Amino acid sequence: MVAEDHFVVRVGLSSIINSQPDMVNIAEAGNGLQAVELFEQHLPDVTLMDLRLPGMGGIEALAAILAKWPRARIIMLSSFGGPENVFRAFRAGARAYFLKDVKGRDLVDAIRAVHAGQRPLPPEIASCLAERLPGPELSARETEILRLIANGQTNKQISTRLGISEGTVRVHASNVFAKLGCSDRAQAVAVAFQRGIVCIE
């Protein structure tokens, strides 16, 4: 099954899969919720899942599928190779992670490997994972605040939006800076984009 919101990319992936003598694409999803529903209907051997899907994101869809079918084999595909994206995908249970510029031959080889129970790891993805693993993990609240900071919101605006005091926002922000090894908001935002914690829409 292919879960990808961009029609041209989805058709391209389907064509590559269907051109193989030992593969057939049995379903195509355009968003995360549809991916979960179609997985339940078709129970594919391997699923290609876009990281960023409308509505329910790729990682959320992956987690929802694995919660019900823990043996599901899901390969994450993305245009974004930031360490945080890679880390979150593997933590959620992805069997492999490939960037969308992957060659067709490498992709079908990866599908066969994942079907056989292997976990192929391209060198560039391994580097991202190695870069991410040593660092402390941000809490859900810290991640939320960092994303609001990246959107240009002040501590006061964040406190109003989240229903917490400005002092609490400052404490969370300080924790974020410490975990990211940053001294100020601008540096933290730069690191957040670099690591994939925050993505450009």
C-alpha atoms as a PDB file:
ATOM      1  CA  MET A   1       0.000   0.000   0.000  1.00  0.00           C
ATOM      2  CA  VAL A   2       1.142   3.546  -0.729  1.00  0.00           C
ATOM      3  CA  ALA A   3       0.099   6.426   1.547  1.00  0.00           C
ATOM      4  CA  GLU A   4       1.103   9.703  -0.115  1.00  0.00           C
ATOM      5  CA  ASP A   5      -0.877  12.930  -0.500  1.00  0.00           C
ATOM      6  CA  HIS A   6       0.775  14.152  -3.704  1.00  0.00           C
ATOM      7  CA  PHE A   7      -0.964  12.492  -6.645  1.00  0.00           C
ATOM      8  CA  VAL A   8       2.020  12.468  -9.012  1.00  0.00           C
ATOM      9  CA  VAL A   9       4.327  10.960  -6.388  1.00  0.00           C
ATOM     10  CA  ARG A  10       1.690   8.393  -5.412  1.00  0.00           C
ATOM     11  CA  VAL A  11       1.192   7.325  -9.030  1.00  0.00           C
ATOM     12  CA  GLY A  12       4.948   7.170  -9.543  1.00  0.00           C
ATOM     13  CA  LEU A  13       5.459   4.918  -6.523  1.00  0.00           C
ATOM     14  CA  SER A  14       2.586   2.683  -7.618  1.00  0.00           C
ATOM     15  CA  SER A  15       4.078   2.372 -11.105  1.00  0.00           C
ATOM     16  CA  ILE A  16       7.472   1.376  -9.713  1.00  0.00           C
ATOM     17  CA  ILE A  17       5.882  -1.256  -7.461  1.00  0.00           C
ATOM     18  CA  ASN A  18       3.563  -2.650 -10.138  1.00  0.00           C
ATOM     19  CA  SER A  19       6.458  -2.964 -12.600  1.00  0.00           C
ATOM     20  CA  GLN A  20       8.022  -5.630 -10.363  1.00  0.00           C
ATOM     21  CA  PRO A  21       7.138  -9.270 -11.080  1.00  0.00           C
ATOM     22  CA  ASP A  22       6.770 -10.104  -7.387  1.00  0.00           C
ATOM     23  CA  MET A  23       4.848  -6.987  -6.261  1.00  0.00           C
ATOM     24  CA  VAL A  24       1.461  -5.344  -6.690  1.00  0.00           C
ATOM     25  CA  ASN A  25       0.170  -2.158  -5.107  1.00  0.00           C
ATOM     26  CA  ILE A  26      -3.232  -3.060  -3.650  1.00  0.00           C
ATOM     27  CA  ALA A  27      -4.270   0.322  -2.188  1.00  0.00           C
ATOM     28  CA  GLU A  28      -3.498   4.046  -2.340  1.00  0.00           C
ATOM     29  CA  ALA A  29      -4.216   6.513   0.479  1.00  0.00           C
ATOM     30  CA  GLY A  30      -4.131  10.294   0.210  1.00  0.00           C
ATOM     31  CA  ASN A  31      -4.135  11.068   3.942  1.00  0.00           C
ATOM     32  CA  GLY A  32      -3.334   9.457   7.281  1.00  0.00           C
ATOM     33  CA  LEU A  33      -6.871   8.502   8.284  1.00  0.00           C
ATOM     34  CA  GLN A  34      -7.473   6.899   4.910  1.00  0.00           C
ATOM     35  CA  ALA A  35      -4.183   4.999   5.304  1.00  0.00           C
ATOM     36  CA  VAL A  36      -5.396   3.442   8.559  1.00  0.00           C
ATOM     37  CA  GLU A  37      -8.790   2.567   7.050  1.00  0.00           C
ATOM     38  CA  LEU A  38      -7.296   1.050   3.888  1.00  0.00           C
ATOM     39  CA  PHE A  39      -4.740  -0.891   5.893  1.00  0.00           C
ATOM     40  CA  GLU A  40      -7.575  -2.512   7.834  1.00  0.00           C
ATOM     41  CA  GLN A  41      -9.407  -3.370   4.605  1.00  0.00           C
ATOM     42  CA  HIS A  42      -6.439  -4.778   2.679  1.00  0.00           C
ATOM     43  CA  LEU A  43      -3.793  -5.765   5.292  1.00  0.00           C
ATOM     44  CA  PRO A  44      -0.854  -5.140   2.924  1.00  0.00           C
ATOM     45  CA  ASP A  45       2.430  -6.990   3.440  1.00  0.00           C
ATOM     46  CA  VAL A  46       4.388  -3.715   3.268  1.00  0.00           C
ATOM     47  CA  THR A  47       3.231  -0.092   3.425  1.00  0.00           C
ATOM     48  CA  LEU A  48       5.034   2.994   2.108  1.00  0.00           C
ATOM     49  CA  MET A  49       3.988   5.903   4.342  1.00  0.00           C
ATOM     50  CA  ASP A  50       4.680   9.579   3.670  1.00  0.00           C
ATOM     51  CA  LEU A  51       5.910  11.369   6.792  1.00  0.00           C
ATOM     52  CA  ARG A  52       3.722  14.416   6.275  1.00  0.00           C
ATOM     53  CA  LEU A  53       0.131  13.577   5.433  1.00  0.00           C
ATOM     54  CA  PRO A  54      -2.838  15.955   5.814  1.00  0.00           C
ATOM     55  CA  GLY A  55      -4.986  15.533   8.908  1.00  0.00           C
ATOM     56  CA  MET A  56      -3.452  12.571  10.685  1.00  0.00           C
ATOM     57  CA  GLY A  57       0.295  12.701   9.992  1.00  0.00           C
ATOM     58  CA  GLY A  58       2.321   9.750   8.762  1.00  0.00           C
ATOM     59  CA  ILE A  59       3.856   8.949  12.148  1.00  0.00           C
ATOM     60  CA  GLU A  60       0.444   9.129  13.835  1.00  0.00           C
ATOM     61  CA  ALA A  61      -1.027   6.831  11.165  1.00  0.00           C
ATOM     62  CA  LEU A  62       1.901   4.452  11.578  1.00  0.00           C
ATOM     63  CA  ALA A  63       1.364   4.348  15.345  1.00  0.00           C
ATOM     64  CA  ALA A  64      -2.392   3.773  14.911  1.00  0.00           C
ATOM     65  CA  ILE A  65      -1.768   0.865  12.551  1.00  0.00           C
ATOM     66  CA  LEU A  66       0.873  -0.738  14.770  1.00  0.00           C
ATOM     67  CA  ALA A  67      -1.353  -0.392  17.844  1.00  0.00           C
ATOM     68  CA  LYS A  68      -3.810  -2.802  16.194  1.00  0.00           C
ATOM     69  CA  TRP A  69      -1.466  -4.760  13.917  1.00  0.00           C
ATOM     70  CA  PRO A  70       1.931  -4.826  15.682  1.00  0.00           C
ATOM     71  CA  ARG A  71       3.486  -6.988  12.961  1.00  0.00           C
ATOM     72  CA  ALA A  72       2.748  -4.405  10.221  1.00  0.00           C
ATOM     73  CA  ARG A  73       5.775  -3.564   8.097  1.00  0.00           C
ATOM     74  CA  ILE A  74       5.873   0.150   7.345  1.00  0.00           C
ATOM     75  CA  ILE A  75       8.544   2.082   5.458  1.00  0.00           C
ATOM     76  CA  MET A  76       8.555   5.822   6.063  1.00  0.00           C
ATOM     77  CA  LEU A  77       9.169   8.075   3.054  1.00  0.00           C
ATOM     78  CA  SER A  78       9.922  11.771   3.365  1.00  0.00           C
ATOM     79  CA  SER A  79      11.439  14.811   1.736  1.00  0.00           C
ATOM     80  CA  PHE A  80      12.702  15.682   5.216  1.00  0.00           C
ATOM     81  CA  GLY A  81      15.717  13.891   6.672  1.00  0.00           C
ATOM     82  CA  GLY A  82      16.102  15.852   9.909  1.00  0.00           C
ATOM     83  CA  PRO A  83      17.310  13.787  12.871  1.00  0.00           C
ATOM     84  CA  GLU A  84      14.106  14.410  14.810  1.00  0.00           C
ATOM     85  CA  ASN A  85      11.925  13.116  11.975  1.00  0.00           C
ATOM     86  CA  VAL A  86      14.014   9.968  11.624  1.00  0.00           C
ATOM     87  CA  PHE A  87      14.114   9.386  15.388  1.00  0.00           C
ATOM     88  CA  ARG A  88      10.347   9.828  15.783  1.00  0.00           C
ATOM     89  CA  ALA A  89       9.612   7.470  12.885  1.00  0.00           C
ATOM     90  CA  PHE A  90      11.777   4.661  14.249  1.00  0.00           C
ATOM     91  CA  ARG A  91      10.546   5.218  17.793  1.00  0.00           C
ATOM     92  CA  ALA A  92       6.977   4.838  16.500  1.00  0.00           C
ATOM     93  CA  GLY A  93       7.876   1.526  14.850  1.00  0.00           C
ATOM     94  CA  ALA A  94       8.919   2.206  11.240  1.00  0.00           C
ATOM     95  CA  ARG A  95      10.946  -0.644   9.732  1.00  0.00           C
ATOM     96  CA  ALA A  96      12.895   1.697   7.448  1.00  0.00           C
ATOM     97  CA  TYR A  97      13.144   5.353   6.450  1.00  0.00           C
ATOM     98  CA  PHE A  98      14.006   6.635   2.986  1.00  0.00           C
ATOM     99  CA  LEU A  99      14.157  10.073   1.425  1.00  0.00           C
ATOM    100  CA  LYS A 100      11.960  10.605  -1.623  1.00  0.00           C
ATOM    101  CA  ASP A 101      14.952  10.989  -3.915  1.00  0.00           C
ATOM    102  CA  VAL A 102      15.699   7.277  -3.403  1.00  0.00           C
ATOM    103  CA  LYS A 103      16.359   5.367  -6.627  1.00  0.00           C
ATOM    104  CA  GLY A 104      13.604   3.027  -7.761  1.00  0.00           C
ATOM    105  CA  ARG A 105      15.884  -0.020  -7.570  1.00  0.00           C
ATOM    106  CA  ASP A 106      16.920   0.814  -4.015  1.00  0.00           C
ATOM    107  CA  LEU A 107      13.292   1.285  -3.006  1.00  0.00           C
ATOM    108  CA  VAL A 108      12.063  -2.055  -4.349  1.00  0.00           C
ATOM    109  CA  ASP A 109      15.089  -3.768  -2.782  1.00  0.00           C
ATOM    110  CA  ALA A 110      14.112  -2.142   0.533  1.00  0.00           C
ATOM    111  CA  ILE A 111      10.512  -3.335   0.160  1.00  0.00           C
ATOM    112  CA  ARG A 112      11.754  -6.902  -0.354  1.00  0.00           C
ATOM    113  CA  ALA A 113      14.120  -6.590   2.613  1.00  0.00           C
ATOM    114  CA  VAL A 114      11.397  -5.278   4.926  1.00  0.00           C
ATOM    115  CA  HIS A 115       9.028  -8.021   3.752  1.00  0.00           C
ATOM    116  CA  ALA A 116      11.737 -10.525   4.694  1.00  0.00           C
ATOM    117  CA  GLY A 117      11.939  -9.064   8.203  1.00  0.00           C
ATOM    118  CA  GLN A 118      15.026  -6.927   7.696  1.00  0.00           C
ATOM    119  CA  ARG A 119      15.461  -3.256   8.583  1.00  0.00           C
ATOM    120  CA  PRO A 120      17.458  -1.558   5.806  1.00  0.00           C
ATOM    121  CA  LEU A 121      19.152   1.655   6.891  1.00  0.00           C
ATOM    122  CA  PRO A 122      20.606   3.987   4.235  1.00  0.00           C
ATOM    123  CA  PRO A 123      23.886   5.668   5.323  1.00  0.00           C
ATOM    124  CA  GLU A 124      22.388   9.183   5.355  1.00  0.00           C
ATOM    125  CA  ILE A 125      19.526   8.016   7.586  1.00  0.00           C
ATOM    126  CA  ALA A 126      21.937   6.214   9.896  1.00  0.00           C
ATOM    127  CA  SER A 127      23.874   9.488  10.241  1.00  0.00           C
ATOM    128  CA  CYS A 128      20.683  11.375  11.128  1.00  0.00           C
ATOM    129  CA  LEU A 129      19.811   8.772  13.730  1.00  0.00           C
ATOM    130  CA  ALA A 130      23.290   8.857  15.233  1.00  0.00           C
ATOM    131  CA  GLU A 131      23.123  12.654  15.420  1.00  0.00           C
ATOM    132  CA  ARG A 132      19.791  12.546  17.247  1.00  0.00           C
ATOM    133  CA  LEU A 133      20.261   9.694  19.723  1.00  0.00           C
ATOM    134  CA  PRO A 134      22.718  11.279  22.184  1.00  0.00           C
ATOM    135  CA  GLY A 135      20.582  14.355  22.813  1.00  0.00           C
ATOM    136  CA  PRO A 136      17.911  14.644  25.528  1.00  0.00           C
ATOM    137  CA  GLU A 137      14.346  14.440  24.281  1.00  0.00           C
ATOM    138  CA  LEU A 138      11.958  17.381  24.459  1.00  0.00           C
ATOM    139  CA  SER A 139       8.662  16.813  26.250  1.00  0.00           C
ATOM    140  CA  ALA A 140       5.402  17.252  24.342  1.00  0.00           C
ATOM    141  CA  ARG A 141       4.854  20.632  26.036  1.00  0.00           C
ATOM    142  CA  GLU A 142       8.411  21.792  25.305  1.00  0.00           C
ATOM    143  CA  THR A 143       8.009  20.788  21.652  1.00  0.00           C
ATOM    144  CA  GLU A 144       4.709  22.669  21.467  1.00  0.00           C
ATOM    145  CA  ILE A 145       6.267  25.806  22.944  1.00  0.00           C
ATOM    146  CA  LEU A 146       9.274  25.568  20.629  1.00  0.00           C
ATOM    147  CA  ARG A 147       6.970  25.400  17.615  1.00  0.00           C
ATOM    148  CA  LEU A 148       5.080  28.470  18.811  1.00  0.00           C
ATOM    149  CA  ILE A 149       8.382  30.297  19.336  1.00  0.00           C
ATOM    150  CA  ALA A 150       9.346  29.344  15.775  1.00  0.00           C
ATOM    151  CA  ASN A 151       6.043  30.864  14.616  1.00  0.00           C
ATOM    152  CA  GLY A 152       7.176  34.170  16.119  1.00  0.00           C
ATOM    153  CA  GLN A 153       4.922  34.199  19.171  1.00  0.00           C
ATOM    154  CA  THR A 154       5.996  36.002  22.343  1.00  0.00           C
ATOM    155  CA  ASN A 155       5.945  34.442  25.811  1.00  0.00           C
ATOM    156  CA  LYS A 156       2.761  36.391  26.553  1.00  0.00           C
ATOM    157  CA  GLN A 157       1.046  35.145  23.393  1.00  0.00           C
ATOM    158  CA  ILE A 158       2.115  31.575  24.136  1.00  0.00           C
ATOM    159  CA  SER A 159       0.856  31.796  27.721  1.00  0.00           C
ATOM    160  CA  THR A 160      -2.525  33.067  26.519  1.00  0.00           C
ATOM    161  CA  ARG A 161      -2.800  30.395  23.846  1.00  0.00           C
ATOM    162  CA  LEU A 162      -1.852  27.522  26.159  1.00  0.00           C
ATOM    163  CA  GLY A 163      -3.586  28.838  29.275  1.00  0.00           C
ATOM    164  CA  ILE A 164      -0.438  28.878  31.391  1.00  0.00           C
ATOM    165  CA  SER A 165       1.512  31.681  33.079  1.00  0.00           C
ATOM    166  CA  GLU A 166       4.312  33.591  31.365  1.00  0.00           C
ATOM    167  CA  GLY A 167       6.643  32.300  34.074  1.00  0.00           C
ATOM    168  CA  THR A 168       5.802  28.724  33.150  1.00  0.00           C
ATOM    169  CA  VAL A 169       6.461  29.508  29.494  1.00  0.00           C
ATOM    170  CA  ARG A 170       9.863  30.960  30.439  1.00  0.00           C
ATOM    171  CA  VAL A 171      10.726  27.830  32.432  1.00  0.00           C
ATOM    172  CA  HIS A 172       9.786  25.572  29.525  1.00  0.00           C
ATOM    173  CA  ALA A 173      11.708  27.776  27.086  1.00  0.00           C
ATOM    174  CA  SER A 174      14.804  27.659  29.317  1.00  0.00           C
ATOM    175  CA  ASN A 175      14.557  23.857  29.422  1.00  0.00           C
ATOM    176  CA  VAL A 176      14.294  23.779  25.630  1.00  0.00           C
ATOM    177  CA  PHE A 177      17.376  25.973  25.245  1.00  0.00           C
ATOM    178  CA  ALA A 178      19.341  23.773  27.644  1.00  0.00           C
ATOM    179  CA  LYS A 179      18.361  20.529  25.916  1.00  0.00           C
ATOM    180  CA  LEU A 180      19.184  21.920  22.483  1.00  0.00           C
ATOM    181  CA  GLY A 181      22.413  23.531  23.673  1.00  0.00           C
ATOM    182  CA  CYS A 182      21.201  26.999  22.687  1.00  0.00           C
ATOM    183  CA  SER A 183      21.476  30.378  24.366  1.00  0.00           C
ATOM    184  CA  ASP A 184      18.483  32.209  22.861  1.00  0.00           C
ATOM    185  CA  ARG A 185      15.259  31.902  20.874  1.00  0.00           C
ATOM    186  CA  ALA A 186      16.810  32.532  17.462  1.00  0.00           C
ATOM    187  CA  GLN A 187      19.421  29.822  17.919  1.00  0.00           C
ATOM    188  CA  ALA A 188      16.800  27.384  19.255  1.00  0.00           C
ATOM    189  CA  VAL A 189      14.584  27.985  16.218  1.00  0.00           C
ATOM    190  CA  ALA A 190      17.520  27.418  13.866  1.00  0.00           C
ATOM    191  CA  VAL A 191      18.360  24.123  15.576  1.00  0.00           C
ATOM    192  CA  ALA A 192      14.674  23.122  15.559  1.00  0.00           C
ATOM    193  CA  PHE A 193      14.486  23.527  11.780  1.00  0.00           C
ATOM    194  CA  GLN A 194      17.807  21.754  11.273  1.00  0.00           C
ATOM    195  CA  ARG A 195      16.758  18.754  13.348  1.00  0.00           C
ATOM    196  CA  GLY A 196      13.255  18.555  11.924  1.00  0.00           C
ATOM    197  CA  ILE A 197      11.472  19.388  15.184  1.00  0.00           C
ATOM    198  CA  VAL A 198       9.838  22.250  13.280  1.00  0.00           C
ATOM    199  CA  CYS A 199       9.167  22.044   9.543  1.00  0.00           C
ATOM    200  CA  ILE A 200       8.296  24.691   7.005  1.00  0.00           C
ATOM    201  CA  GLU A 201       4.701  24.226   5.883  1.00  0.00           C
END
